[in-house]
Protein backbone atom coordinates (compact mmCIF):
# COMPACT_ATOMS: atom_id res chain seq x y z
CA UNK A 1 10.50 14.37 -45.36
CA UNK A 2 7.83 14.18 -48.11
CA UNK A 3 4.71 16.36 -48.10
CA UNK A 4 2.58 13.27 -47.47
CA UNK A 5 4.73 12.21 -44.48
CA UNK A 6 4.53 15.70 -42.92
CA UNK A 7 0.78 15.83 -43.47
CA UNK A 8 0.35 12.37 -41.92
CA UNK A 9 2.50 13.26 -38.91
CA UNK A 10 0.53 16.47 -38.30
CA UNK A 11 -2.73 14.53 -38.43
CA UNK A 12 -1.38 11.93 -35.94
CA UNK A 13 -0.35 14.61 -33.44
CA UNK A 14 -3.71 16.34 -33.81
CA UNK A 15 -5.45 13.09 -33.04
CA UNK A 16 -3.35 12.77 -29.89
CA UNK A 17 -4.46 16.26 -28.97
CA UNK A 18 -8.08 15.19 -29.12
CA UNK A 19 -7.21 12.10 -27.00
CA UNK A 20 -8.75 9.75 -29.59
CA UNK A 21 -5.46 7.97 -30.20
CA UNK A 22 -7.07 4.59 -30.74
CA UNK A 23 -8.14 5.69 -34.23
CA UNK A 24 -4.87 7.43 -35.15
CA UNK A 25 -3.44 4.63 -37.27
CA UNK A 26 -6.65 4.24 -39.24
CA UNK A 27 -6.54 7.96 -40.01
CA UNK A 28 -2.91 7.72 -41.12
CA UNK A 29 -3.73 4.91 -43.57
CA UNK A 30 -6.47 7.00 -45.09
CA UNK A 31 -4.36 10.18 -45.23
CA UNK A 32 -3.14 9.49 -48.76
CA UNK A 33 -6.72 9.83 -50.04
CA UNK A 34 -6.96 13.43 -48.81
CA UNK A 35 -5.39 16.42 -50.58
CA UNK A 36 -2.23 17.67 -48.79
CA UNK A 37 -2.55 20.77 -46.69
CA UNK A 38 -0.09 23.40 -45.56
CA UNK A 39 1.95 23.14 -42.37
CA UNK A 40 -0.17 24.84 -39.71
CA UNK A 41 1.40 27.70 -37.81
CA UNK A 42 -0.64 26.60 -34.79
CA UNK A 43 1.24 23.34 -34.45
CA UNK A 44 2.48 22.96 -30.85
CA UNK A 45 3.99 20.28 -28.67
CA UNK A 46 1.38 20.83 -25.95
CA UNK A 47 -1.32 18.17 -26.05
CA UNK A 48 -5.04 18.65 -25.52
CA UNK A 49 -6.17 18.08 -21.94
CA UNK A 50 -9.93 18.28 -22.40
CA UNK A 51 -11.91 15.32 -21.12
CA UNK A 52 -15.60 14.53 -20.88
CA UNK A 53 -16.76 15.91 -17.54
CA UNK A 54 -19.97 13.90 -17.43
CA UNK A 55 -18.48 10.50 -18.29
CA UNK A 56 -18.26 7.90 -15.54
CA UNK A 57 -14.69 6.46 -15.45
CA UNK A 58 -14.51 2.78 -16.29
CA UNK A 59 -12.58 2.03 -13.09
CA UNK A 60 -15.43 3.52 -11.05
CA UNK A 61 -17.85 1.28 -12.91
CA UNK A 62 -15.74 -1.72 -11.97
CA UNK A 63 -15.61 -0.64 -8.34
CA UNK A 64 -19.39 -0.26 -8.28
CA UNK A 65 -19.75 -3.75 -9.73
CA UNK A 66 -17.32 -5.11 -7.13
CA UNK A 67 -19.33 -3.46 -4.36
CA UNK A 68 -22.53 -5.07 -5.63
CA UNK A 69 -20.78 -8.45 -5.80
CA UNK A 70 -19.58 -8.12 -2.18
CA UNK A 71 -23.07 -7.21 -1.04
CA UNK A 72 -24.48 -10.24 -2.85
CA UNK A 73 -21.82 -12.43 -1.20
CA UNK A 74 -22.70 -11.10 2.26
CA UNK A 75 -26.37 -11.67 1.55
CA UNK A 76 -25.67 -15.27 0.54
CA UNK A 77 -23.58 -15.79 3.69
CA UNK A 78 -26.47 -14.63 5.88
CA UNK A 79 -28.69 -17.23 4.18
CA UNK A 80 -26.15 -19.96 4.90
CA UNK A 81 -25.15 -20.50 1.27
CA UNK A 82 -21.56 -21.83 0.80
CA UNK A 83 -19.01 -19.90 -1.24
CA UNK A 84 -17.48 -21.32 -4.39
CA UNK A 85 -14.29 -22.56 -2.71
CA UNK A 86 -15.68 -23.49 0.70
CA UNK A 87 -16.86 -27.08 0.14
CA UNK A 88 -14.82 -29.96 1.55
CA UNK A 89 -15.01 -31.79 -1.78
CA UNK A 90 -13.34 -28.93 -3.66
CA UNK A 91 -10.63 -28.57 -1.03
CA UNK A 92 -9.91 -32.26 -1.44
CA UNK A 93 -9.36 -31.69 -5.17
CA UNK A 94 -7.00 -28.79 -4.48
CA UNK A 95 -4.93 -30.97 -2.16
CA UNK A 96 -4.15 -33.30 -5.08
CA UNK A 97 -2.31 -30.51 -6.88
CA UNK A 98 0.68 -28.28 -6.25
CA UNK A 99 0.31 -24.60 -6.96
CA UNK A 100 3.39 -22.66 -8.08
CA UNK A 101 3.47 -18.88 -8.37
CA UNK A 102 6.08 -16.40 -9.57
CA UNK A 103 5.68 -12.64 -9.23
CA UNK A 104 6.58 -9.71 -11.46
CA UNK A 105 6.18 -6.40 -9.60
CA UNK A 106 6.21 -3.12 -11.53
CA UNK A 107 6.85 -0.07 -9.35
CA UNK A 108 7.05 3.60 -10.34
CA UNK A 109 10.30 5.12 -9.13
CA UNK A 110 10.36 8.28 -7.04
CA UNK A 111 12.03 10.61 -9.54
CA UNK A 112 11.52 14.09 -10.94
CA UNK A 113 12.06 13.20 -14.60
CA UNK A 114 11.23 10.37 -16.94
CA UNK A 115 13.67 7.59 -17.73
CA UNK A 116 14.82 8.78 -21.16
CA UNK A 117 13.57 12.36 -21.42
CA UNK A 118 13.59 15.54 -19.36
CA UNK A 119 9.77 15.62 -19.16
CA UNK A 120 8.29 15.79 -15.67
CA UNK A 121 7.64 12.36 -14.11
CA UNK A 122 4.10 12.92 -12.90
CA UNK A 123 0.83 11.40 -14.06
CA UNK A 124 -1.28 13.40 -11.60
CA UNK A 125 -1.37 16.50 -13.81
CA UNK A 126 -3.90 17.18 -16.55
CA UNK A 127 -3.76 14.55 -19.32
CA UNK A 128 -0.94 14.86 -21.85
CA UNK A 129 0.85 17.76 -20.16
CA UNK A 130 4.20 16.10 -19.42
CA UNK A 131 5.22 14.75 -22.81
CA UNK A 132 8.53 15.09 -24.68
CA UNK A 133 9.22 14.31 -28.33
CA UNK A 134 10.93 11.02 -27.46
CA UNK A 135 7.94 9.93 -25.32
CA UNK A 136 5.81 10.02 -28.49
CA UNK A 137 8.54 8.34 -30.56
CA UNK A 138 8.51 11.19 -33.05
CA UNK A 139 11.05 10.72 -35.88
CA UNK A 140 14.50 12.05 -35.04
CA UNK A 141 14.02 12.09 -31.26
CA UNK A 142 16.69 10.30 -29.21
CA UNK A 143 16.69 8.77 -25.69
CA UNK A 144 18.55 10.74 -23.01
CA UNK A 145 19.11 8.53 -19.96
CA UNK A 146 18.38 10.52 -16.79
CA UNK A 147 21.07 9.34 -14.37
CA UNK A 148 19.12 10.50 -11.30
CA UNK A 149 16.53 7.79 -11.95
CA UNK A 150 19.16 5.21 -11.04
CA UNK A 151 19.33 6.33 -7.38
CA UNK A 152 15.87 5.14 -6.20
CA UNK A 153 16.34 1.97 -8.25
CA UNK A 154 19.55 1.25 -6.34
CA UNK A 155 17.82 1.96 -3.02
CA UNK A 156 15.22 -0.66 -3.90
CA UNK A 157 17.78 -3.25 -5.00
CA UNK A 158 19.97 -2.77 -1.91
CA UNK A 159 16.91 -2.93 0.34
CA UNK A 160 16.05 -6.30 -1.23
CA UNK A 161 19.59 -7.69 -0.73
CA UNK A 162 20.41 -7.82 -4.45
CA UNK A 163 23.80 -8.03 -6.03
CA UNK A 164 24.38 -4.79 -7.94
CA UNK A 165 25.92 -5.31 -11.39
CA UNK A 166 28.81 -3.05 -12.31
CA UNK A 167 27.64 -2.96 -15.90
CA UNK A 168 24.07 -3.10 -17.21
CA UNK A 169 22.44 -2.41 -20.57
CA UNK A 170 19.06 -1.52 -22.01
CA UNK A 171 17.21 -3.65 -24.55
CA UNK A 172 14.23 -3.21 -26.84
CA UNK A 173 11.21 -5.45 -26.28
CA UNK A 174 9.15 -5.24 -29.46
CA UNK A 175 5.38 -5.38 -29.43
CA UNK A 176 2.60 -3.20 -30.79
CA UNK A 177 -0.14 -1.82 -28.60
CA UNK A 178 -1.92 1.53 -28.56
CA UNK A 179 -0.26 2.65 -25.29
CA UNK A 180 3.30 2.14 -26.61
CA UNK A 181 4.02 4.74 -29.36
CA UNK A 182 7.43 3.42 -30.40
CA UNK A 183 6.31 -0.16 -30.95
CA UNK A 184 8.83 -1.39 -28.36
CA UNK A 185 9.52 -1.00 -24.64
CA UNK A 186 12.98 -0.16 -23.34
CA UNK A 187 13.88 -2.61 -20.58
CA UNK A 188 16.85 -4.65 -19.28
CA UNK A 189 16.23 -8.20 -20.37
CA UNK A 190 19.78 -9.46 -20.93
CA UNK A 191 21.84 -7.40 -18.48
CA UNK A 192 19.74 -6.03 -15.59
CA UNK A 193 21.32 -3.74 -13.01
CA UNK A 194 20.53 -6.03 -10.03
CA UNK A 195 20.33 -9.80 -9.51
CA UNK A 196 20.02 -12.51 -6.84
CA UNK A 197 18.02 -10.79 -4.10
CA UNK A 198 15.79 -12.19 -1.38
CA UNK A 199 12.78 -11.27 0.71
CA UNK A 200 11.99 -13.13 3.94
CA UNK A 201 8.35 -13.51 4.95
CA UNK A 202 7.33 -14.26 8.54
CA UNK A 203 4.11 -15.51 10.06
CA UNK A 204 3.25 -11.95 11.16
CA UNK A 205 3.46 -10.93 7.49
CA UNK A 206 0.39 -13.07 6.88
CA UNK A 207 1.90 -16.09 5.09
CA UNK A 208 -0.06 -19.33 4.82
CA UNK A 209 0.17 -21.52 7.96
CA UNK A 210 1.55 -24.34 5.78
CA UNK A 211 4.68 -22.22 5.17
CA UNK A 212 5.58 -22.30 8.86
CA UNK A 213 7.17 -19.45 10.79
CA UNK A 214 9.02 -17.99 7.81
CA UNK A 215 9.86 -18.53 4.16
CA UNK A 216 12.53 -17.08 1.86
CA UNK A 217 11.51 -15.97 -1.63
CA UNK A 218 14.44 -15.46 -4.00
CA UNK A 219 14.49 -12.54 -6.41
CA UNK A 220 15.85 -13.44 -9.84
CA UNK A 221 16.52 -9.88 -10.99
CA UNK A 222 15.44 -6.25 -10.86
CA UNK A 223 15.47 -4.30 -14.09
CA UNK A 224 14.78 -0.70 -15.05
CA UNK A 225 12.24 -0.05 -17.77
CA UNK A 226 9.81 2.55 -19.08
CA UNK A 227 6.08 2.64 -18.38
CA UNK A 228 3.35 2.83 -21.01
CA UNK A 229 0.57 5.37 -21.52
CA UNK A 230 -2.46 5.29 -19.25
CA UNK A 231 -5.59 3.95 -20.94
CA UNK A 232 -9.01 5.23 -19.91
CA UNK A 233 -11.61 2.80 -21.23
CA UNK A 234 -15.07 4.14 -21.98
CA UNK A 235 -17.26 1.24 -23.11
CA UNK A 236 -18.41 0.15 -25.52
CA UNK A 237 -15.81 1.28 -28.06
CA UNK A 238 -13.77 4.25 -26.84
CA UNK A 239 -10.30 4.33 -25.29
CA UNK A 240 -8.58 7.59 -24.37
CA UNK A 241 -4.82 7.74 -23.80
CA UNK A 242 -2.85 9.91 -21.40
CA UNK A 243 0.81 10.06 -22.42
CA UNK A 244 1.97 11.62 -19.15
CA UNK A 245 2.89 8.10 -18.00
CA UNK A 246 4.82 7.08 -21.12
CA UNK A 247 8.50 6.80 -20.25
CA UNK A 248 7.86 6.98 -16.50
CA UNK A 249 10.79 5.14 -14.84
CA UNK A 250 9.88 1.74 -13.46
CA UNK A 251 11.62 -1.15 -11.84
CA UNK A 252 10.42 -4.67 -12.44
CA UNK A 253 11.09 -7.14 -9.62
CA UNK A 254 11.02 -10.75 -10.81
CA UNK A 255 10.88 -13.54 -8.23
CA UNK A 256 11.68 -17.19 -8.76
CA UNK A 257 8.59 -19.49 -8.84
CA UNK A 258 8.89 -20.50 -5.19
CA UNK A 259 5.46 -19.55 -3.82
CA UNK A 260 2.87 -22.31 -3.32
CA UNK A 261 -0.03 -20.61 -1.55
CA UNK A 262 -2.17 -17.63 -2.62
CA UNK A 263 -2.01 -16.15 0.88
CA UNK A 264 1.78 -16.18 0.82
CA UNK A 265 1.86 -14.57 -2.64
CA UNK A 266 -0.28 -11.71 -1.35
CA UNK A 267 1.97 -11.38 1.72
CA UNK A 268 5.03 -11.25 -0.55
CA UNK A 269 3.60 -8.41 -2.63
CA UNK A 270 2.70 -6.52 0.53
CA UNK A 271 6.19 -7.03 1.98
CA UNK A 272 7.89 -5.91 -1.24
CA UNK A 273 5.71 -2.80 -1.25
CA UNK A 274 6.65 -2.08 2.38
CA UNK A 275 10.38 -2.35 1.62
CA UNK A 276 10.11 -0.10 -1.44
CA UNK A 277 8.20 2.54 0.50
CA UNK A 278 10.56 2.36 3.49
CA UNK A 279 13.65 3.05 1.36
CA UNK A 280 11.82 5.84 -0.49
CA UNK A 281 12.24 4.13 -3.85
CA UNK A 282 8.66 4.48 -5.08
CA UNK A 283 6.09 7.23 -5.41
CA UNK A 284 3.10 5.35 -4.02
CA UNK A 285 1.74 1.91 -3.27
CA UNK A 286 -0.89 -0.23 -4.96
CA UNK A 287 -3.76 1.83 -3.57
CA UNK A 288 -2.58 4.84 -5.59
CA UNK A 289 -1.60 3.00 -8.75
CA UNK A 290 2.15 3.32 -8.20
CA UNK A 291 2.68 -0.43 -8.02
CA UNK A 292 1.19 -3.22 -10.13
CA UNK A 293 1.66 -6.98 -10.02
CA UNK A 294 1.66 -9.68 -12.68
CA UNK A 295 1.43 -13.25 -11.40
CA UNK A 296 2.51 -16.42 -13.18
CA UNK A 297 0.39 -19.38 -12.08
CA UNK A 298 0.75 -23.09 -12.74
CA UNK A 299 -0.48 -26.31 -11.15
CA UNK A 300 1.07 -29.76 -11.26
CA UNK A 301 0.27 -33.05 -9.51
CA UNK A 302 1.19 -33.05 -5.83
CA UNK A 303 4.71 -34.40 -5.37
CA UNK A 304 5.71 -33.67 -8.97
CA UNK A 305 9.14 -32.09 -9.49
CA UNK A 306 8.19 -30.48 -12.80
CA UNK A 307 6.09 -27.35 -13.19
CA UNK A 308 2.86 -27.25 -15.13
CA UNK A 309 2.09 -24.92 -18.02
CA UNK A 310 1.93 -21.39 -16.62
CA UNK A 311 -0.47 -18.62 -17.37
CA UNK A 312 0.11 -14.95 -16.58
CA UNK A 313 -2.46 -12.67 -14.93
CA UNK A 314 -1.70 -9.05 -15.73
CA UNK A 315 -2.02 -5.71 -13.91
CA UNK A 316 -3.33 -6.65 -10.49
CA UNK A 317 -3.77 -3.44 -8.51
CA UNK A 318 -4.41 -4.54 -4.92
CA UNK A 319 -3.14 -7.09 -2.41
CA UNK A 320 -6.57 -8.73 -2.27
CA UNK A 321 -6.71 -8.93 -6.06
CA UNK A 322 -3.42 -10.87 -6.05
CA UNK A 323 -4.77 -13.51 -3.68
CA UNK A 324 -8.22 -13.75 -5.25
CA UNK A 325 -6.90 -13.94 -8.82
CA UNK A 326 -4.44 -16.72 -7.94
CA UNK A 327 -7.20 -18.72 -6.21
CA UNK A 328 -9.49 -18.33 -9.22
CA UNK A 329 -6.81 -19.28 -11.75
CA UNK A 330 -5.62 -22.22 -9.63
CA UNK A 331 -9.16 -23.56 -9.44
CA UNK A 332 -9.71 -23.03 -13.18
CA UNK A 333 -6.57 -24.92 -14.09
CA UNK A 334 -7.43 -27.77 -11.72
CA UNK A 335 -10.93 -28.02 -13.23
CA UNK A 336 -9.48 -28.17 -16.77
CA UNK A 337 -6.91 -30.84 -15.84
CA UNK A 338 -9.41 -32.90 -13.84
CA UNK A 339 -11.65 -32.94 -16.91
CA UNK A 340 -8.78 -34.24 -19.05
CA UNK A 341 -8.06 -30.94 -20.74
CA UNK A 342 -4.80 -29.10 -21.38
CA UNK A 343 -3.66 -25.72 -20.02
CA UNK A 344 -2.80 -23.23 -22.72
CA UNK A 345 0.01 -20.74 -22.18
CA UNK A 346 -1.80 -17.42 -22.28
CA UNK A 347 -2.21 -14.00 -20.73
CA UNK A 348 -5.33 -13.61 -18.58
CA UNK A 349 -7.07 -10.73 -16.88
CA UNK A 350 -8.82 -10.14 -13.59
CA UNK A 351 -11.62 -7.67 -12.93
CA UNK A 352 -12.57 -6.19 -9.57
CA UNK A 353 -15.25 -8.28 -7.89
CA UNK A 354 -14.84 -11.15 -10.35
CA UNK A 355 -14.68 -14.84 -9.47
CA UNK A 356 -12.92 -16.00 -12.64
CA UNK A 357 -9.95 -14.95 -14.73
CA UNK A 358 -10.58 -14.16 -18.40
CA UNK A 359 -8.43 -14.82 -21.45
CA UNK A 360 -6.85 -11.69 -22.92
CA UNK A 361 -4.56 -13.16 -25.58
CA UNK A 362 -2.41 -16.15 -26.39
CA UNK A 363 0.91 -16.05 -24.53
CA UNK A 364 3.72 -14.76 -26.71
CA UNK A 365 7.02 -16.56 -26.44
CA UNK A 366 10.18 -14.63 -25.70
CA UNK A 367 11.32 -14.95 -29.31
CA UNK A 368 8.20 -13.06 -30.45
CA UNK A 369 9.34 -9.96 -28.58
CA UNK A 370 12.50 -9.83 -30.71
CA UNK A 371 14.68 -8.58 -27.85
CA UNK A 372 17.72 -6.68 -29.04
CA UNK A 373 20.24 -4.32 -27.40
CA UNK A 374 19.15 -0.72 -27.81
CA UNK A 375 21.75 0.84 -30.12
CA UNK A 376 20.93 4.39 -28.98
CA UNK A 377 21.64 3.90 -25.27
CA UNK A 378 25.12 3.40 -23.81
CA UNK A 379 25.77 0.82 -21.06
CA UNK A 380 25.29 1.97 -17.45
CA UNK A 381 28.29 1.61 -15.15
CA UNK A 382 27.71 1.60 -11.37
CA UNK A 383 30.64 2.08 -8.99
CA UNK A 384 31.01 0.27 -5.66
CA UNK A 385 31.47 3.65 -3.98
CA UNK A 386 28.00 4.76 -5.09
CA UNK A 387 26.44 1.51 -3.88
CA UNK A 388 28.18 1.82 -0.49
CA UNK A 389 27.11 5.44 -0.02
CA UNK A 390 23.46 4.68 -0.84
CA UNK A 391 23.47 1.60 1.39
CA UNK A 392 24.81 3.65 4.31
CA UNK A 393 21.94 6.14 4.04
CA UNK A 394 19.06 3.63 3.96
CA UNK A 395 16.66 3.71 6.91
CA UNK A 396 15.74 0.64 8.95
CA UNK A 397 13.98 -1.95 6.80
CA UNK A 398 10.52 -3.18 7.87
CA UNK A 399 11.79 -6.32 9.63
CA UNK A 400 14.43 -4.35 11.55
CA UNK A 401 11.89 -1.66 12.39
CA UNK A 402 9.33 -4.13 13.74
CA UNK A 403 12.00 -5.89 15.81
CA UNK A 404 13.08 -2.51 17.22
CA UNK A 405 9.50 -1.57 18.17
CA UNK A 406 8.88 -4.97 19.75
CA UNK A 407 12.07 -4.52 21.79
CA UNK A 408 10.58 -1.25 23.09
CA UNK A 409 7.51 -3.04 24.40
CA UNK A 410 5.04 -3.03 21.50
CA UNK A 411 3.25 -6.20 20.48
CA UNK A 412 4.19 -7.59 17.08
CA UNK A 413 0.74 -6.72 15.72
CA UNK A 414 0.89 -3.13 16.98
CA UNK A 415 4.45 -2.72 15.66
CA UNK A 416 3.46 -4.06 12.23
CA UNK A 417 0.34 -1.86 12.12
CA UNK A 418 2.22 1.25 13.21
CA UNK A 419 4.92 0.67 10.59
CA UNK A 420 2.48 0.12 7.73
CA UNK A 421 -0.31 2.65 8.32
CA UNK A 422 -0.65 5.74 6.12
CA UNK A 423 2.49 4.98 4.06
CA UNK A 424 4.65 5.42 7.17
CA UNK A 425 3.09 8.72 8.28
CA UNK A 426 1.69 7.17 11.47
CA UNK A 427 5.12 5.87 12.42
CA UNK A 428 6.66 9.32 11.83
CA UNK A 429 3.96 10.76 14.08
CA UNK A 430 4.82 8.20 16.77
CA UNK A 431 8.49 9.22 16.63
CA UNK A 432 7.56 12.90 16.95
CA UNK A 433 5.31 12.17 19.94
CA UNK A 434 8.09 10.25 21.68
CA UNK A 435 10.54 13.10 21.02
CA UNK A 436 8.12 15.62 22.59
CA UNK A 437 7.46 13.30 25.53
CA UNK A 438 11.16 12.98 26.21
CA UNK A 439 11.50 16.79 26.22
CA UNK A 440 8.77 17.00 28.85
CA UNK A 441 10.62 14.50 31.04
CA UNK A 442 13.83 16.52 30.85
CA UNK A 443 11.95 19.68 31.82
CA UNK A 444 10.24 17.90 34.70
CA UNK A 445 13.27 16.07 36.07
CA UNK A 446 15.77 17.65 38.42
CA UNK A 447 19.11 18.79 37.01
CA UNK A 448 20.91 16.02 38.87
CA UNK A 449 18.75 13.24 37.49
CA UNK A 450 19.01 11.61 34.09
CA UNK A 451 15.49 10.42 33.32
CA UNK A 452 15.21 7.52 30.95
CA UNK A 453 12.08 6.55 29.07
CA UNK A 454 10.95 3.08 30.03
CA UNK A 455 9.94 0.64 27.33
CA UNK A 456 6.36 0.83 28.57
CA UNK A 457 6.19 4.47 27.45
CA UNK A 458 6.53 3.51 23.78
CA UNK A 459 3.85 0.90 24.31
CA UNK A 460 1.51 3.46 25.89
CA UNK A 461 2.12 5.97 23.10
CA UNK A 462 1.54 3.38 20.38
CA UNK A 463 -1.69 2.26 22.04
CA UNK A 464 -3.04 5.82 22.15
CA UNK A 465 -1.97 6.62 18.58
CA UNK A 466 -3.38 3.40 17.11
CA UNK A 467 -6.49 2.90 19.22
CA UNK A 468 -7.61 6.12 20.91
CA UNK A 469 -6.67 8.51 18.11
CA UNK A 470 -7.46 5.83 15.54
CA UNK A 471 -10.94 5.44 17.03
CA UNK A 472 -11.59 9.17 16.70
CA UNK A 473 -10.44 9.11 13.09
CA UNK A 474 -12.70 6.16 12.28
CA UNK A 475 -15.72 7.71 14.00
CA UNK A 476 -15.22 10.96 12.09
CA UNK A 477 -14.42 9.10 8.84
CA UNK A 478 -11.34 11.29 8.54
CA UNK A 479 -7.95 10.31 7.06
CA UNK A 480 -4.95 10.53 9.36
CA UNK A 481 -2.98 13.75 9.54
CA UNK A 482 -0.36 14.83 12.04
CA UNK A 483 -2.26 18.11 12.38
CA UNK A 484 -5.48 16.54 13.72
CA UNK A 485 -3.77 16.34 17.12
CA UNK A 486 -0.31 17.88 17.16
CA UNK A 487 2.48 15.56 18.37
CA UNK A 488 3.25 18.03 21.18
CA UNK A 489 -0.38 17.94 22.38
CA UNK A 490 -0.47 14.13 22.30
CA UNK A 491 2.79 14.00 24.26
CA UNK A 492 1.42 16.43 26.87
CA UNK A 493 -1.70 14.30 27.32
CA UNK A 494 0.35 11.11 27.75
CA UNK A 495 2.80 12.84 30.10
CA UNK A 496 -0.05 14.07 32.33
CA UNK A 497 -1.57 10.59 32.43
CA UNK A 498 1.79 9.02 33.18
CA UNK A 499 2.58 11.27 36.15
CA UNK A 500 -0.95 11.13 37.53
CA UNK A 501 -2.06 14.69 36.76
CA UNK A 502 -5.17 13.40 34.97
CA UNK A 503 -6.97 10.07 34.77
CA UNK A 504 -7.33 7.89 31.69
CA UNK A 505 -10.97 8.93 31.05
CA UNK A 506 -10.02 12.60 31.47
CA UNK A 507 -7.15 12.14 29.03
CA UNK A 508 -9.51 10.63 26.46
CA UNK A 509 -11.88 13.56 26.97
CA UNK A 510 -9.01 16.01 26.44
CA UNK A 511 -7.87 14.19 23.31
CA UNK A 512 -11.39 14.30 21.88
CA UNK A 513 -11.66 18.03 22.58
CA UNK A 514 -8.41 18.78 20.75
CA UNK A 515 -9.34 16.43 17.89
CA UNK A 516 -12.64 18.28 17.51
CA UNK A 517 -10.92 21.65 17.19
CA UNK A 518 -10.13 22.97 20.69
CA UNK A 519 -7.03 25.16 20.20
CA UNK A 520 -6.11 25.54 23.88
CA UNK A 521 -2.97 24.05 25.38
CA UNK A 522 -3.46 20.72 27.12
CA UNK A 523 -2.68 22.13 30.57
CA UNK A 524 -5.15 24.98 30.00
CA UNK A 525 -7.88 22.47 29.16
CA UNK A 526 -7.09 20.44 32.29
CA UNK A 527 -7.37 23.52 34.49
CA UNK A 528 -10.45 25.03 32.83
CA UNK A 529 -12.38 21.75 32.68
CA UNK A 530 -11.29 20.74 36.21
CA UNK A 531 -9.90 17.42 35.01
CA UNK A 532 -7.45 16.91 37.89
CA UNK A 533 -7.79 13.72 39.98
CA UNK A 534 -10.22 13.90 42.90
CA UNK A 535 -8.91 14.03 46.50
CA UNK A 536 -9.54 11.05 48.76
CA UNK A 537 -12.07 12.99 50.82
CA UNK A 538 -14.29 13.40 47.77
CA UNK A 539 -14.20 9.68 47.04
CA UNK A 540 -15.25 8.97 50.60
CA UNK A 541 -18.04 11.55 50.48
CA UNK A 542 -19.45 10.23 47.21
CA UNK A 543 -19.24 6.62 48.39
CA UNK A 544 -20.92 7.43 51.75
CA UNK A 545 -23.80 9.23 49.99
CA UNK A 546 -24.46 6.22 47.77
CA UNK A 547 -24.29 3.83 50.72
CA UNK A 548 -26.83 5.92 52.63
CA UNK A 549 -29.22 5.99 49.66
CA UNK A 550 -29.02 2.25 48.81
CA UNK A 551 -29.44 0.31 52.02
CA UNK A 552 -30.86 -2.79 50.34
CA UNK A 553 -27.84 -3.21 48.06
CA UNK A 554 -25.52 -2.61 51.01
CA UNK A 555 -27.30 -5.40 52.90
CA UNK A 556 -26.84 -7.76 49.93
CA UNK A 557 -23.13 -6.99 49.87
CA UNK A 558 -22.45 -7.26 53.59
CA UNK A 559 -24.80 -10.09 54.61
CA UNK A 560 -25.15 -12.13 51.42
CA UNK A 561 -21.56 -11.50 50.25
CA UNK A 562 -22.75 -10.38 46.79
CA UNK A 563 -19.54 -8.49 46.13
CA UNK A 564 -20.43 -8.05 42.50
CA UNK A 565 -22.80 -5.29 43.63
CA UNK A 566 -19.71 -3.17 44.31
CA UNK A 567 -19.36 -2.66 40.56
CA UNK A 568 -22.77 -0.98 40.52
CA UNK A 569 -21.64 1.51 43.18
CA UNK A 570 -18.40 2.17 41.29
CA UNK A 571 -20.34 2.78 38.09
CA UNK A 572 -22.63 5.26 39.84
CA UNK A 573 -19.64 7.20 41.15
CA UNK A 574 -18.03 7.33 37.69
CA UNK A 575 -21.25 8.68 36.21
CA UNK A 576 -21.28 11.51 38.72
CA UNK A 577 -17.77 12.70 37.81
CA UNK A 578 -15.57 11.75 34.83
CA UNK A 579 -12.49 12.17 37.03
CA UNK A 580 -13.44 9.22 39.25
CA UNK A 581 -10.99 6.32 38.97
CA UNK A 582 -12.57 2.89 39.35
CA UNK A 583 -9.82 1.47 41.57
CA UNK A 584 -9.89 4.37 44.04
CA UNK A 585 -13.71 4.36 44.08
CA UNK A 586 -13.81 0.66 44.96
CA UNK A 587 -11.14 1.15 47.64
CA UNK A 588 -13.25 3.86 49.33
CA UNK A 589 -16.36 1.66 49.21
CA UNK A 590 -14.57 -1.32 50.72
CA UNK A 591 -13.22 0.81 53.57
CA UNK A 592 -16.65 2.22 54.39
CA UNK A 593 -18.36 -1.17 54.13
CA UNK A 594 -15.53 -2.85 56.04
CA UNK A 595 -15.18 -5.70 53.55
């Protein structure tokens, strides 16, 4: 390598160290005008991790703008002002056109290493810590396919009912952008590892009513590919790059253009995310940046069999963004066509809180990417035995899981909520609670009996976990954790309610005490706080005292048949003692009043 080339390379790496990669190429062009310098002994592969501590991240700026836009929208709604898409006239225009949407989902695989290097697959560390020579495309570095990355990819493909290809290959997709050091992305354009899958969406998944009870969306292919660097934009003219994400293993899920409603597109992304998380194929969902969606949108006259010119909206990072961006782009295309214009094939962007998509660049045709087989990477061969073994170890998929929970007595909504909350952590908590509850039954039952948990027990447990515990979490503005109320403690509370040891209000009081930090055992709290049900004699005594003190209300009940006044007496008794049960209180009152 010439002295100039070495000097230029050193300067490029040093620029990466300072994070100002966006100006690296300009510096390289000017390098020939500087006198050559000696090879520094301080040269190291480690990259600089310093970042401006006082700079406000661009994403936070966008979120603040989105918050202001939502507040403005709510303010307009209070004044009775219609939204952009709420007028009957505009809906009539939409009805004249057919929307068609195809999805491309990019998901980070749950792996320890990157796709083609042994660098750690984590972008949560300090910037530019997990970077290998090949990730930076340094001359002489070669790709080293990490076979372990194939396992979560196969879990995803099997979970989505794909046909696994025995032989697949990697290709180079050429394009230049600052976040792609090599000038090309390694992907599987010609021979992907999985094809011909399907995802079924049901009405409880949130599809558009026009799609009926269910709809099948076919998956064209799933391909493995490498991620790009993470760009941190600092307006007006600065972009910092974190190369931790370069080479991170991804799968791209490509659907056929079979979606015709924005609501259904959003439901499809959400369902795909649920499947990927259930089979443990991905690191995180959209909320954490582990999954991104590109949507291809076109409109054509209603009843037409041909598709209109499509545009692509890139890097949508939330379910709501998917739906809102499709609505905005649909309406833009309709407006252009209604005015006699022509839709240009292009790539468009969507900002948080926006009401319109924006043009990013003209759409490049496939030939512009100059796809070619990667000559440095051998084909990947996948045996049927491996596919069978992975398929046998997959957990229940979301649809099977919801059906199983519904069969145990849960409503469809509760089952769906339980399965989707906290990336599955709430469902794991539910299972642990039911396991502890079953242990308590076996301890309580006689040796000759074989107690069985009724379906209603799962329903009761789900209700308490979702609503009672969920209410405490919301009131405290605290994220869910299985340690906030241990599964064993929750099971003991539910068991005591179920066998009549404590009342519902007393159980809620006990739950709140434990949630707020009481470390005592549930039974110790019940004893110390005197939360046991009241004896009948105490109900009678409390009811008789109230009757004696409120003769006028008693007269209204007995003579004027104003039985609604009984509720007042019941309420007074419940205020006197949290252990009072409304049904038993009313029964005592009716007996004493002889009604």
